[in-house]
Amino acid sequence: MRRTYRMERLWDPQKTALVVIDLQKWIGNQYAPYSAEQVVSNAAALAATFREQGSMVALIRVSSKDLKDIPRPKLDSPAPPLNLPEGWDQIVPEMRVTETDHIITKKQWGAFYGTELDLQLRRRGIDTIVLCGIATELGVDTTAREAFMHGYQLILAIDAMTGFSETGHDYVKNFIFPRIGRTRTTQEILSALSGNCL
């Protein structure tokens, strides 16, 4: 069944930023419902259009010199051991990083805590964030909640993100995102950027 939305005029490109979570060389291929390749392709298309419009593009990555600044809480379900390839913290080449992009380095799931992301957004008058990346139920969800609590308008590019499982992705999509923002497809966002309604 086709979704129907109350149509709203396109946001101001100068007050909107694309925030891309963790599309770096350490991503694997065990994701659902979208593959890493699909997510990277859709995110790259969004980034290219945002750059053409003169909008801010923020590429978020996890990085550490020695991994000693990564949180290490006691866990019921420990994370698998890290097997990091050479250049693991570099943004994937498909994103075609440009000099105008903002590279933000984080040390945990969310892109706001302990980083300059909020400062850079506010100093540019940004009030709306289009969010995408990997993984839906970790870095993307945490960043979305942080953005909501900071007062930003949120648009979630649902097919430019993916989860570690379809169940995890769908839970966030169906129960969290509707309470904190607007969920749209990459094509709907690109169409809106072309002058249509979102």
Protein backbone atom coordinates (compact mmCIF):
# COMPACT_ATOMS: atom_id res chain seq x y z
CA MET A 1 0.00 0.00 0.00
CA ARG A 2 1.40 3.37 -1.03
CA ARG A 3 2.24 5.67 1.85
CA THR A 4 0.68 9.12 1.82
CA TYR A 5 2.31 12.09 3.50
CA ARG A 6 1.23 15.60 4.25
CA MET A 7 3.33 17.31 1.62
CA GLU A 8 5.76 19.95 2.79
CA ARG A 9 7.94 22.26 0.79
CA LEU A 10 11.58 21.42 0.37
CA TRP A 11 13.90 22.45 3.18
CA ASP A 12 16.41 25.24 2.72
CA PRO A 13 19.60 23.62 1.32
CA GLN A 14 21.71 26.11 3.28
CA LYS A 15 20.11 24.95 6.54
CA THR A 16 20.28 21.22 5.80
CA ALA A 17 23.16 18.79 6.24
CA LEU A 18 23.70 15.22 5.14
CA VAL A 19 25.23 13.16 7.96
CA VAL A 20 26.67 9.79 6.90
CA ILE A 21 27.56 7.27 9.61
CA ASP A 22 30.58 4.94 9.46
CA LEU A 23 30.87 4.20 5.75
CA GLN A 24 34.53 3.34 6.15
CA LYS A 25 36.76 0.52 5.04
CA TRP A 26 35.99 -1.73 7.99
CA ILE A 27 32.40 -2.42 6.92
CA GLY A 28 31.72 -6.02 6.00
CA ASN A 29 28.92 -7.68 4.05
CA GLN A 30 26.68 -9.18 6.74
CA TYR A 31 23.87 -6.63 6.73
CA ALA A 32 20.11 -6.61 6.16
CA PRO A 33 17.75 -5.69 4.65
CA TYR A 34 20.12 -3.76 2.35
CA SER A 35 23.65 -4.75 1.39
CA ALA A 36 26.62 -2.53 2.19
CA GLU A 37 26.96 -1.89 -1.55
CA GLN A 38 23.36 -0.63 -1.80
CA VAL A 39 23.82 1.63 1.20
CA VAL A 40 27.09 3.08 -0.09
CA SER A 41 25.57 3.64 -3.55
CA ASN A 42 22.53 5.47 -2.14
CA ALA A 43 24.60 7.49 0.32
CA ALA A 44 27.02 8.49 -2.45
CA ALA A 45 24.10 9.66 -4.61
CA LEU A 46 22.78 11.76 -1.73
CA ALA A 47 26.22 13.22 -1.04
CA ALA A 48 26.76 14.17 -4.68
CA THR A 49 23.43 15.99 -4.83
CA PHE A 50 23.96 17.74 -1.50
CA ARG A 51 27.35 18.97 -2.69
CA GLU A 52 25.82 20.27 -5.93
CA GLN A 53 23.27 22.21 -3.87
CA GLY A 54 25.96 23.69 -1.66
CA SER A 55 24.66 21.84 1.39
CA MET A 56 26.88 20.59 4.18
CA VAL A 57 28.06 16.97 3.98
CA ALA A 58 29.41 15.46 7.21
CA LEU A 59 31.11 12.08 6.96
CA ILE A 60 31.35 10.40 10.35
CA ARG A 61 33.96 7.76 11.09
CA VAL A 62 35.31 5.81 14.04
CA SER A 63 39.04 6.13 14.44
CA SER A 64 41.67 5.52 17.09
CA LYS A 65 45.46 5.42 17.16
CA ASP A 66 45.66 2.54 19.61
CA LEU A 67 42.03 1.63 20.48
CA LYS A 68 42.67 2.71 24.09
CA ASP A 69 40.08 5.49 23.81
CA ILE A 70 37.25 3.12 22.81
CA PRO A 71 34.66 2.47 25.57
CA ARG A 72 35.09 -0.87 27.33
CA PRO A 73 32.03 -1.45 29.54
CA LYS A 74 31.27 -4.82 31.10
CA LEU A 75 28.76 -6.51 28.80
CA ASP A 76 26.32 -9.42 28.87
CA SER A 77 26.98 -9.93 25.17
CA PRO A 78 30.56 -8.96 24.35
CA ALA A 79 31.29 -7.60 20.90
CA PRO A 80 33.31 -9.88 18.60
CA PRO A 81 37.06 -9.27 18.52
CA LEU A 82 38.15 -6.50 16.19
CA ASN A 83 40.01 -7.65 13.10
CA LEU A 84 40.76 -4.33 11.49
CA PRO A 85 42.18 -4.18 7.95
CA GLU A 86 44.79 -1.68 6.86
CA GLY A 87 43.20 1.75 6.51
CA TRP A 88 40.09 0.57 8.38
CA ASP A 89 39.18 4.07 9.51
CA GLN A 90 39.21 5.67 6.05
CA ILE A 91 35.98 6.64 4.31
CA VAL A 92 35.14 4.24 1.48
CA PRO A 93 36.31 5.60 -1.91
CA GLU A 94 32.79 5.38 -3.38
CA MET A 95 31.83 8.39 -1.23
CA ARG A 96 34.25 10.50 -3.31
CA VAL A 97 35.32 12.72 -0.41
CA THR A 98 35.82 16.35 -1.43
CA GLU A 99 37.52 19.33 0.19
CA THR A 100 34.13 20.73 1.20
CA ASP A 101 33.15 17.63 3.20
CA HIS A 102 33.48 17.64 6.98
CA ILE A 103 35.16 14.54 8.39
CA ILE A 104 34.06 14.02 11.99
CA THR A 105 35.84 11.42 14.13
CA LYS A 106 33.96 9.71 16.95
CA LYS A 107 34.91 7.17 19.60
CA GLN A 108 31.54 5.53 20.26
CA TRP A 109 28.20 4.85 18.54
CA GLY A 110 26.77 8.38 18.41
CA ALA A 111 28.20 11.15 16.23
CA PHE A 112 27.46 13.99 18.68
CA TYR A 113 28.99 12.97 22.01
CA GLY A 114 32.60 14.10 22.31
CA THR A 115 32.79 15.50 18.76
CA GLU A 116 32.49 18.90 17.10
CA LEU A 117 29.47 17.90 14.98
CA ASP A 118 26.90 20.01 16.85
CA LEU A 119 29.25 23.01 16.84
CA GLN A 120 29.86 22.77 13.09
CA LEU A 121 26.13 22.37 12.35
CA ARG A 122 25.03 25.28 14.53
CA ARG A 123 27.70 27.68 13.26
CA ARG A 124 26.39 27.08 9.76
CA GLY A 125 22.76 27.64 10.78
CA ILE A 126 21.80 23.99 10.13
CA ASP A 127 18.39 23.00 11.49
CA THR A 128 17.69 19.84 9.44
CA ILE A 129 19.71 16.63 9.15
CA VAL A 130 19.34 13.91 6.53
CA LEU A 131 20.82 10.81 8.17
CA CYS A 132 22.12 7.54 6.73
CA GLY A 133 24.87 4.94 7.14
CA ILE A 134 25.71 1.74 9.00
CA ALA A 135 24.42 0.28 11.22
CA THR A 136 20.77 1.23 11.68
CA GLU A 137 20.40 -0.10 15.22
CA LEU A 138 23.73 1.21 16.52
CA GLY A 139 25.47 4.27 15.06
CA VAL A 140 22.52 5.55 13.04
CA ASP A 141 19.91 5.09 15.77
CA THR A 142 22.15 6.60 18.48
CA THR A 143 22.99 9.61 16.29
CA ALA A 144 19.31 10.07 15.38
CA ARG A 145 18.31 10.14 19.05
CA GLU A 146 21.12 12.59 19.85
CA ALA A 147 20.06 14.85 16.96
CA PHE A 148 16.45 14.76 18.19
CA MET A 149 17.53 15.71 21.71
CA HIS A 150 19.62 18.56 20.26
CA GLY A 151 16.51 19.92 18.53
CA TYR A 152 17.29 19.13 14.89
CA GLN A 153 14.66 18.20 12.32
CA LEU A 154 15.42 14.68 11.10
CA ILE A 155 14.91 12.95 7.76
CA LEU A 156 15.96 9.28 7.82
CA ALA A 157 17.13 7.93 4.45
CA ILE A 158 15.87 4.42 5.12
CA ASP A 159 17.41 2.62 2.12
CA ALA A 160 20.74 4.41 2.58
CA MET A 161 21.16 2.62 5.90
CA THR A 162 21.09 -1.01 6.97
CA GLY A 163 21.31 -3.11 10.10
CA PHE A 164 23.16 -6.12 11.41
CA SER A 165 19.82 -7.89 11.02
CA GLU A 166 16.54 -7.13 9.30
CA THR A 167 14.78 -7.46 12.66
CA GLY A 168 17.03 -4.81 14.22
CA HIS A 169 16.67 -2.46 11.24
CA ASP A 170 12.89 -2.85 11.13
CA TYR A 171 12.47 -2.28 14.87
CA VAL A 172 14.23 1.08 14.66
CA LYS A 173 12.40 1.98 11.44
CA ASN A 174 8.96 1.10 12.78
CA PHE A 175 9.13 2.11 16.43
CA ILE A 176 11.87 4.73 16.92
CA PHE A 177 12.14 6.78 13.74
CA PRO A 178 8.43 7.73 13.51
CA ARG A 179 8.74 9.34 16.96
CA ILE A 180 11.77 11.48 16.18
CA GLY A 181 11.67 12.32 12.46
CA ARG A 182 10.47 11.56 8.95
CA THR A 183 11.47 8.37 7.13
CA ARG A 184 11.97 8.61 3.37
CA THR A 185 13.70 6.68 0.59
CA THR A 186 16.77 7.95 -1.22
CA GLN A 187 14.69 8.58 -4.33
CA GLU A 188 12.10 10.58 -2.39
CA ILE A 189 14.86 12.74 -0.93
CA LEU A 190 16.57 13.24 -4.30
CA SER A 191 13.23 14.14 -5.85
CA ALA A 192 12.64 16.69 -3.11
CA LEU A 193 16.08 18.17 -3.67
CA SER A 194 15.08 18.64 -7.31
CA GLY A 195 12.32 21.00 -6.23
CA ASN A 196 9.43 18.69 -5.43
CA CYS A 197 7.73 18.25 -2.07
CA LEU A 198 8.84 15.84 0.64
